[in-house]
Amino acid sequence: MARDVFIKKAFVDEEIEYAHRSYRPAVHLASAFAAREALAKASGLGLAKMGLHEAWVRRDEAGSPHICLSPALEEEFSKKGIRKIWLSISHEGDFAVAVVVLED
C-alpha cells in the first residue's frame, strides 16, 4: 500500500503504465527516477526545487528515452539557457543508472 502511494507521488501515469507493460516494472521505475535525479543535479535545481512531476521520461517508437518537461520547468530551463537535454539510461540486474547532459 505505501509502495503504491510512493509510486503515484513519484511518477506520472505514462511512466507507471510503461513500467507495468514490461516484465520488470521496478527496474523501469528506478530508471525513470534516476533520470529525474540526474536532471535535477545537472540543472542545479535539485529534486526539492524541481518537483517530481515536473519532468518525466517518455520513450519514442524505438524505445529510446527522452525527458519531457512541464511548461513551468521548460520556462525555467529556457531562462537558464538550456536548449537541449540528452538522456542515457542503463540497467544491469536490479540496478539502473541515468546520465543527463544539458546543452545550451
C-alpha atoms as a PDB file:
ATOM      1  CA  MET A   1       0.000   0.000   0.000  1.00  0.00           C
ATOM      2  CA  ALA A   2       2.732   2.500   0.965  1.00  0.00           C
ATOM      3  CA  ARG A   3       4.599   1.481  -2.195  1.00  0.00           C
ATOM      4  CA  ASP A   4       1.585   2.415  -4.346  1.00  0.00           C
ATOM      5  CA  VAL A   5       1.357   5.816  -2.659  1.00  0.00           C
ATOM      6  CA  PHE A   6       5.047   6.465  -3.357  1.00  0.00           C
ATOM      7  CA  ILE A   7       4.679   5.389  -6.994  1.00  0.00           C
ATOM      8  CA  LYS A   8       1.774   7.816  -7.527  1.00  0.00           C
ATOM      9  CA  LYS A   9       3.739  10.635  -5.858  1.00  0.00           C
ATOM     10  CA  ALA A  10       6.993   9.981  -7.717  1.00  0.00           C
ATOM     11  CA  PHE A  11       5.877   9.102 -11.259  1.00  0.00           C
ATOM     12  CA  VAL A  12       3.417  10.322 -13.868  1.00  0.00           C
ATOM     13  CA  ASP A  13       0.811   7.905 -15.229  1.00  0.00           C
ATOM     14  CA  GLU A  14       2.709   7.476 -18.507  1.00  0.00           C
ATOM     15  CA  GLU A  15       5.787   6.175 -16.661  1.00  0.00           C
ATOM     16  CA  ILE A  16       3.729   3.853 -14.465  1.00  0.00           C
ATOM     17  CA  GLU A  17       1.862   2.408 -17.455  1.00  0.00           C
ATOM     18  CA  TYR A  18       5.115   1.884 -19.390  1.00  0.00           C
ATOM     19  CA  ALA A  19       6.707   0.133 -16.410  1.00  0.00           C
ATOM     20  CA  HIS A  20       3.735  -2.171 -15.861  1.00  0.00           C
ATOM     21  CA  ARG A  21       3.825  -3.251 -19.514  1.00  0.00           C
ATOM     22  CA  SER A  22       7.384  -4.509 -19.008  1.00  0.00           C
ATOM     23  CA  TYR A  23       8.453  -7.759 -17.405  1.00  0.00           C
ATOM     24  CA  ARG A  24      10.447  -5.883 -14.707  1.00  0.00           C
ATOM     25  CA  PRO A  25       8.396  -2.834 -13.657  1.00  0.00           C
ATOM     26  CA  ALA A  26      10.640  -1.928 -10.705  1.00  0.00           C
ATOM     27  CA  VAL A  27      13.710  -1.560 -12.941  1.00  0.00           C
ATOM     28  CA  HIS A  28      11.858   0.780 -15.307  1.00  0.00           C
ATOM     29  CA  LEU A  29      10.555   2.891 -12.436  1.00  0.00           C
ATOM     30  CA  ALA A  30      14.048   3.015 -10.934  1.00  0.00           C
ATOM     31  CA  SER A  31      15.491   4.181 -14.255  1.00  0.00           C
ATOM     32  CA  ALA A  32      12.827   6.901 -14.557  1.00  0.00           C
ATOM     33  CA  PHE A  33      13.654   8.096 -11.045  1.00  0.00           C
ATOM     34  CA  ALA A  34      17.389   8.009 -11.821  1.00  0.00           C
ATOM     35  CA  ALA A  35      16.746  10.131 -14.924  1.00  0.00           C
ATOM     36  CA  ARG A  36      14.785  12.666 -12.895  1.00  0.00           C
ATOM     37  CA  GLU A  37      17.505  12.827 -10.254  1.00  0.00           C
ATOM     38  CA  ALA A  38      20.236  13.206 -12.898  1.00  0.00           C
ATOM     39  CA  LEU A  39      18.284  16.082 -14.472  1.00  0.00           C
ATOM     40  CA  ALA A  40      17.791  17.760 -11.091  1.00  0.00           C
ATOM     41  CA  LYS A  41      21.518  17.559 -10.352  1.00  0.00           C
ATOM     42  CA  ALA A  42      22.686  18.598 -13.827  1.00  0.00           C
ATOM     43  CA  SER A  43      20.408  21.645 -13.762  1.00  0.00           C
ATOM     44  CA  GLY A  44      21.454  22.668 -10.258  1.00  0.00           C
ATOM     45  CA  LEU A  45      17.817  22.779  -9.122  1.00  0.00           C
ATOM     46  CA  GLY A  46      17.739  19.615  -7.037  1.00  0.00           C
ATOM     47  CA  LEU A  47      14.691  17.390  -6.637  1.00  0.00           C
ATOM     48  CA  ALA A  48      13.156  19.519  -3.882  1.00  0.00           C
ATOM     49  CA  LYS A  49      13.006  22.614  -6.077  1.00  0.00           C
ATOM     50  CA  MET A  50      12.253  20.796  -9.319  1.00  0.00           C
ATOM     51  CA  GLY A  51       9.393  18.629  -8.062  1.00  0.00           C
ATOM     52  CA  LEU A  52       8.804  15.006  -9.015  1.00  0.00           C
ATOM     53  CA  HIS A  53       6.073  15.603 -11.600  1.00  0.00           C
ATOM     54  CA  GLU A  54       7.815  18.494 -13.366  1.00  0.00           C
ATOM     55  CA  ALA A  55       9.891  16.149 -15.545  1.00  0.00           C
ATOM     56  CA  TRP A  56       9.262  12.613 -16.724  1.00  0.00           C
ATOM     57  CA  VAL A  57      10.642  10.001 -19.095  1.00  0.00           C
ATOM     58  CA  ARG A  58       8.915   9.236 -22.382  1.00  0.00           C
ATOM     59  CA  ARG A  59      10.058   6.533 -24.799  1.00  0.00           C
ATOM     60  CA  ASP A  60       9.933   7.017 -28.563  1.00  0.00           C
ATOM     61  CA  GLU A  61       8.880   4.344 -31.071  1.00  0.00           C
ATOM     62  CA  ALA A  62      12.351   2.790 -30.946  1.00  0.00           C
ATOM     63  CA  GLY A  63      12.284   2.687 -27.131  1.00  0.00           C
ATOM     64  CA  SER A  64      14.824   5.495 -26.672  1.00  0.00           C
ATOM     65  CA  PRO A  65      14.198   7.547 -23.523  1.00  0.00           C
ATOM     66  CA  HIS A  66      13.643  11.303 -23.604  1.00  0.00           C
ATOM     67  CA  ILE A  67      12.969  13.829 -20.858  1.00  0.00           C
ATOM     68  CA  CYS A  68       9.684  15.736 -21.011  1.00  0.00           C
ATOM     69  CA  LEU A  69       9.270  18.956 -19.033  1.00  0.00           C
ATOM     70  CA  SER A  70       6.258  20.703 -17.562  1.00  0.00           C
ATOM     71  CA  PRO A  71       5.637  24.186 -19.006  1.00  0.00           C
ATOM     72  CA  ALA A  72       6.934  25.771 -15.781  1.00  0.00           C
ATOM     73  CA  LEU A  73      10.167  23.759 -15.824  1.00  0.00           C
ATOM     74  CA  GLU A  74      10.592  24.351 -19.548  1.00  0.00           C
ATOM     75  CA  GLU A  75      10.420  28.097 -18.854  1.00  0.00           C
ATOM     76  CA  GLU A  76      12.946  27.772 -16.001  1.00  0.00           C
ATOM     77  CA  PHE A  77      15.356  25.878 -18.252  1.00  0.00           C
ATOM     78  CA  SER A  78      14.894  28.435 -21.021  1.00  0.00           C
ATOM     79  CA  LYS A  79      15.845  31.220 -18.576  1.00  0.00           C
ATOM     80  CA  LYS A  80      18.992  29.243 -17.715  1.00  0.00           C
ATOM     81  CA  GLY A  81      19.812  28.975 -21.432  1.00  0.00           C
ATOM     82  CA  ILE A  82      19.228  25.216 -21.575  1.00  0.00           C
ATOM     83  CA  ARG A  83      18.044  24.290 -25.060  1.00  0.00           C
ATOM     84  CA  LYS A  84      18.588  20.520 -25.288  1.00  0.00           C
ATOM     85  CA  ILE A  85      18.512  17.635 -22.821  1.00  0.00           C
ATOM     86  CA  TRP A  86      20.413  14.447 -23.617  1.00  0.00           C
ATOM     87  CA  LEU A  87      19.482  11.350 -21.620  1.00  0.00           C
ATOM     88  CA  SER A  88      21.069   7.922 -21.388  1.00  0.00           C
ATOM     89  CA  ILE A  89      19.682   5.144 -19.201  1.00  0.00           C
ATOM     90  CA  SER A  90      21.245   1.771 -18.496  1.00  0.00           C
ATOM     91  CA  HIS A  91      20.105  -1.253 -16.467  1.00  0.00           C
ATOM     92  CA  GLU A  92      22.156  -4.080 -15.044  1.00  0.00           C
ATOM     93  CA  GLY A  93      20.390  -6.635 -12.910  1.00  0.00           C
ATOM     94  CA  ASP A  94      18.357  -4.761 -10.320  1.00  0.00           C
ATOM     95  CA  PHE A  95      20.300  -1.523 -10.818  1.00  0.00           C
ATOM     96  CA  ALA A  96      19.556   1.460 -13.031  1.00  0.00           C
ATOM     97  CA  VAL A  97      21.696   4.469 -13.842  1.00  0.00           C
ATOM     98  CA  ALA A  98      20.947   7.608 -15.832  1.00  0.00           C
ATOM     99  CA  VAL A  99      23.160  10.333 -17.251  1.00  0.00           C
ATOM    100  CA  VAL A 100      21.846  13.735 -18.307  1.00  0.00           C
ATOM    101  CA  VAL A 101      23.780  16.278 -20.353  1.00  0.00           C
ATOM    102  CA  LEU A 102      22.354  19.781 -20.751  1.00  0.00           C
ATOM    103  CA  GLU A 103      23.181  21.747 -23.880  1.00  0.00           C
ATOM    104  CA  ASP A 104      22.831  25.487 -24.364  1.00  0.00           C
END
